[in-house]
Amino acid sequence: MTDIWLPLAATALAAALTWWCCIRPMVKNRSCCTTAADPELQEELRRAREELQQLRDDATPLAVPPTRPEILDR
């Protein structure tokens, strides 16, 4: 019976620390981050999303394999 107290205490401590460090600040502010009403920030986020989408599009492999082998020694 005493073998179970240490894991239970560690679990309770982990839950308490999670509440204190993560959940409580979010509940206090009602969100994990502030609402972004700044137009400059919104513009920067839009540009970053566009760049991410472009990088993802560039990284996708070709739908049709090339007919000849690609020469990499140029």
N, C-alpha and C. Protein backbone atom coordinates (compact mmCIF):
# COMPACT_ATOMS: atom_id res chain seq x y z
N MET A 1 0.82 -1.19 0.00
CA MET A 1 0.00 0.00 0.00
C MET A 1 0.87 1.26 0.00
N THR A 2 2.01 1.22 0.66
CA THR A 2 2.86 2.41 0.69
C THR A 2 3.57 2.64 -0.64
N ASP A 3 3.62 1.62 -1.50
CA ASP A 3 4.26 1.78 -2.80
C ASP A 3 3.47 2.72 -3.71
N ILE A 4 2.22 2.94 -3.43
CA ILE A 4 1.39 3.76 -4.29
C ILE A 4 1.43 5.23 -3.93
N TRP A 5 1.89 5.58 -2.74
CA TRP A 5 1.87 6.97 -2.28
C TRP A 5 2.84 7.87 -3.05
N LEU A 6 4.00 7.38 -3.36
CA LEU A 6 4.97 8.19 -4.10
C LEU A 6 4.47 8.54 -5.50
N PRO A 7 3.98 7.59 -6.29
CA PRO A 7 3.44 7.96 -7.62
C PRO A 7 2.23 8.89 -7.52
N LEU A 8 1.38 8.67 -6.52
CA LEU A 8 0.22 9.56 -6.35
C LEU A 8 0.66 10.97 -5.98
N ALA A 9 1.66 11.07 -5.13
CA ALA A 9 2.16 12.39 -4.74
C ALA A 9 2.82 13.08 -5.93
N ALA A 10 3.57 12.35 -6.73
CA ALA A 10 4.21 12.93 -7.92
C ALA A 10 3.16 13.39 -8.93
N THR A 11 2.10 12.62 -9.09
CA THR A 11 1.02 12.99 -10.01
C THR A 11 0.30 14.24 -9.52
N ALA A 12 0.02 14.28 -8.22
CA ALA A 12 -0.64 15.46 -7.66
C ALA A 12 0.24 16.70 -7.79
N LEU A 13 1.53 16.55 -7.58
CA LEU A 13 2.45 17.67 -7.73
C LEU A 13 2.51 18.15 -9.18
N ALA A 14 2.53 17.22 -10.11
CA ALA A 14 2.54 17.58 -11.54
C ALA A 14 1.26 18.31 -11.92
N ALA A 15 0.13 17.83 -11.42
CA ALA A 15 -1.14 18.49 -11.71
C ALA A 15 -1.18 19.90 -11.11
N ALA A 16 -0.67 20.04 -9.89
CA ALA A 16 -0.66 21.35 -9.24
C ALA A 16 0.25 22.32 -9.98
N LEU A 17 1.42 21.87 -10.40
CA LEU A 17 2.34 22.74 -11.14
C LEU A 17 1.76 23.12 -12.51
N THR A 18 1.08 22.18 -13.14
CA THR A 18 0.44 22.48 -14.42
C THR A 18 -0.63 23.55 -14.23
N TRP A 19 -1.42 23.40 -13.19
CA TRP A 19 -2.45 24.40 -12.90
C TRP A 19 -1.80 25.76 -12.62
N TRP A 20 -0.80 25.79 -11.77
CA TRP A 20 -0.21 27.04 -11.33
C TRP A 20 0.53 27.76 -12.47
N CYS A 21 1.26 27.01 -13.29
CA CYS A 21 2.10 27.64 -14.30
C CYS A 21 1.42 27.81 -15.66
N CYS A 22 0.45 26.98 -15.98
CA CYS A 22 -0.12 27.01 -17.34
C CYS A 22 -1.59 27.42 -17.36
N ILE A 23 -2.39 26.71 -16.62
CA ILE A 23 -3.83 26.90 -16.72
C ILE A 23 -4.27 28.18 -16.03
N ARG A 24 -3.77 28.45 -14.85
CA ARG A 24 -4.19 29.62 -14.08
C ARG A 24 -3.93 30.93 -14.82
N PRO A 25 -2.74 31.13 -15.43
CA PRO A 25 -2.55 32.38 -16.18
C PRO A 25 -3.50 32.52 -17.37
N MET A 26 -3.81 31.41 -18.03
CA MET A 26 -4.73 31.48 -19.15
C MET A 26 -6.14 31.82 -18.69
N VAL A 27 -6.57 31.25 -17.58
CA VAL A 27 -7.91 31.53 -17.06
C VAL A 27 -7.98 32.98 -16.60
N LYS A 28 -6.92 33.46 -16.00
CA LYS A 28 -6.90 34.83 -15.50
C LYS A 28 -7.06 35.83 -16.64
N ASN A 29 -6.39 35.60 -17.74
CA ASN A 29 -6.45 36.50 -18.89
C ASN A 29 -7.52 36.10 -19.89
N ARG A 30 -8.16 34.99 -19.66
CA ARG A 30 -9.21 34.46 -20.52
C ARG A 30 -8.72 34.00 -21.89
N SER A 31 -7.41 34.01 -22.10
CA SER A 31 -6.84 33.46 -23.32
C SER A 31 -5.35 33.26 -23.09
N CYS A 32 -4.73 32.47 -23.95
CA CYS A 32 -3.31 32.21 -23.78
C CYS A 32 -2.45 33.30 -24.40
N CYS A 33 -3.04 34.15 -25.20
CA CYS A 33 -2.30 35.26 -25.78
C CYS A 33 -3.23 36.46 -25.90
N THR A 34 -2.64 37.60 -26.08
CA THR A 34 -3.45 38.80 -26.20
C THR A 34 -4.08 38.87 -27.58
N THR A 35 -5.19 39.52 -27.68
CA THR A 35 -5.82 39.69 -28.98
C THR A 35 -5.01 40.71 -29.77
N ALA A 36 -4.79 40.39 -31.01
CA ALA A 36 -3.92 41.23 -31.84
C ALA A 36 -4.77 42.24 -32.59
N ALA A 37 -4.87 43.45 -32.06
CA ALA A 37 -5.59 44.52 -32.73
C ALA A 37 -4.63 45.44 -33.47
N ASP A 38 -3.35 45.17 -33.35
CA ASP A 38 -2.33 46.00 -33.97
C ASP A 38 -2.29 45.71 -35.47
N PRO A 39 -2.54 46.72 -36.32
CA PRO A 39 -2.54 46.48 -37.77
C PRO A 39 -1.17 46.04 -38.31
N GLU A 40 -0.09 46.57 -37.73
CA GLU A 40 1.24 46.17 -38.20
C GLU A 40 1.48 44.69 -37.92
N LEU A 41 1.04 44.24 -36.75
CA LEU A 41 1.21 42.83 -36.41
C LEU A 41 0.37 41.95 -37.33
N GLN A 42 -0.85 42.38 -37.62
CA GLN A 42 -1.71 41.61 -38.52
C GLN A 42 -1.09 41.51 -39.91
N GLU A 43 -0.49 42.61 -40.38
CA GLU A 43 0.15 42.60 -41.70
C GLU A 43 1.37 41.66 -41.70
N GLU A 44 2.15 41.70 -40.64
CA GLU A 44 3.30 40.81 -40.55
C GLU A 44 2.87 39.34 -40.49
N LEU A 45 1.82 39.06 -39.76
CA LEU A 45 1.30 37.69 -39.71
C LEU A 45 0.79 37.25 -41.08
N ARG A 46 0.12 38.14 -41.81
CA ARG A 46 -0.37 37.79 -43.14
C ARG A 46 0.80 37.47 -44.08
N ARG A 47 1.86 38.30 -44.03
CA ARG A 47 3.04 38.04 -44.87
C ARG A 47 3.71 36.73 -44.49
N ALA A 48 3.78 36.44 -43.21
CA ALA A 48 4.41 35.19 -42.76
C ALA A 48 3.60 33.99 -43.22
N ARG A 49 2.28 34.10 -43.17
CA ARG A 49 1.43 32.99 -43.63
C ARG A 49 1.57 32.78 -45.14
N GLU A 50 1.65 33.89 -45.89
CA GLU A 50 1.86 33.78 -47.34
C GLU A 50 3.21 33.13 -47.65
N GLU A 51 4.24 33.53 -46.92
CA GLU A 51 5.56 32.95 -47.13
C GLU A 51 5.56 31.46 -46.79
N LEU A 52 4.90 31.10 -45.71
CA LEU A 52 4.81 29.69 -45.34
C LEU A 52 4.09 28.89 -46.41
N GLN A 53 2.99 29.44 -46.94
CA GLN A 53 2.26 28.74 -47.99
C GLN A 53 3.12 28.59 -49.24
N GLN A 54 3.88 29.63 -49.58
CA GLN A 54 4.76 29.55 -50.75
C GLN A 54 5.85 28.50 -50.54
N LEU A 55 6.44 28.45 -49.35
CA LEU A 55 7.46 27.44 -49.07
C LEU A 55 6.88 26.04 -49.14
N ARG A 56 5.67 25.87 -48.64
CA ARG A 56 5.02 24.56 -48.73
C ARG A 56 4.73 24.18 -50.16
N ASP A 57 4.29 25.15 -50.97
CA ASP A 57 4.02 24.86 -52.38
C ASP A 57 5.30 24.51 -53.12
N ASP A 58 6.40 25.20 -52.80
CA ASP A 58 7.67 24.92 -53.46
C ASP A 58 8.25 23.57 -53.05
N ALA A 59 7.90 23.11 -51.86
CA ALA A 59 8.47 21.87 -51.35
C ALA A 59 7.72 20.64 -51.83
N THR A 60 6.56 20.81 -52.43
CA THR A 60 5.80 19.64 -52.86
C THR A 60 6.48 19.01 -54.07
N PRO A 61 6.52 17.70 -54.12
CA PRO A 61 7.17 17.03 -55.25
C PRO A 61 6.33 17.19 -56.52
N LEU A 62 6.96 16.96 -57.65
CA LEU A 62 6.27 17.05 -58.92
C LEU A 62 5.20 15.98 -59.02
N ALA A 63 4.06 16.33 -59.58
CA ALA A 63 2.98 15.36 -59.72
C ALA A 63 3.31 14.33 -60.79
N VAL A 64 4.01 14.77 -61.85
CA VAL A 64 4.39 13.87 -62.93
C VAL A 64 5.91 13.76 -62.91
N PRO A 65 6.45 12.56 -62.80
CA PRO A 65 7.91 12.43 -62.79
C PRO A 65 8.49 12.86 -64.14
N PRO A 66 9.66 13.44 -64.12
CA PRO A 66 10.27 13.88 -65.39
C PRO A 66 10.58 12.68 -66.29
N THR A 67 10.55 12.93 -67.60
CA THR A 67 10.81 11.84 -68.55
C THR A 67 12.29 11.50 -68.63
N ARG A 68 13.15 12.49 -68.36
CA ARG A 68 14.57 12.24 -68.39
C ARG A 68 15.13 12.43 -66.97
N PRO A 69 16.25 11.83 -66.67
CA PRO A 69 16.84 12.05 -65.36
C PRO A 69 17.30 13.49 -65.18
N GLU A 70 17.17 13.98 -64.02
CA GLU A 70 17.57 15.35 -63.74
C GLU A 70 19.09 15.41 -63.60
N ILE A 71 19.71 16.39 -64.23
CA ILE A 71 21.16 16.55 -64.17
C ILE A 71 21.46 17.58 -63.08
N LEU A 72 22.22 17.19 -62.10
CA LEU A 72 22.51 18.06 -60.98
C LEU A 72 23.87 18.71 -61.07
N ASP A 73 24.69 18.32 -62.08
CA ASP A 73 26.06 18.84 -62.22
C ASP A 73 26.07 20.01 -63.19
N ARG A 74 25.48 21.09 -62.86
CA ARG A 74 25.46 22.23 -63.79
C ARG A 74 26.46 23.24 -63.45
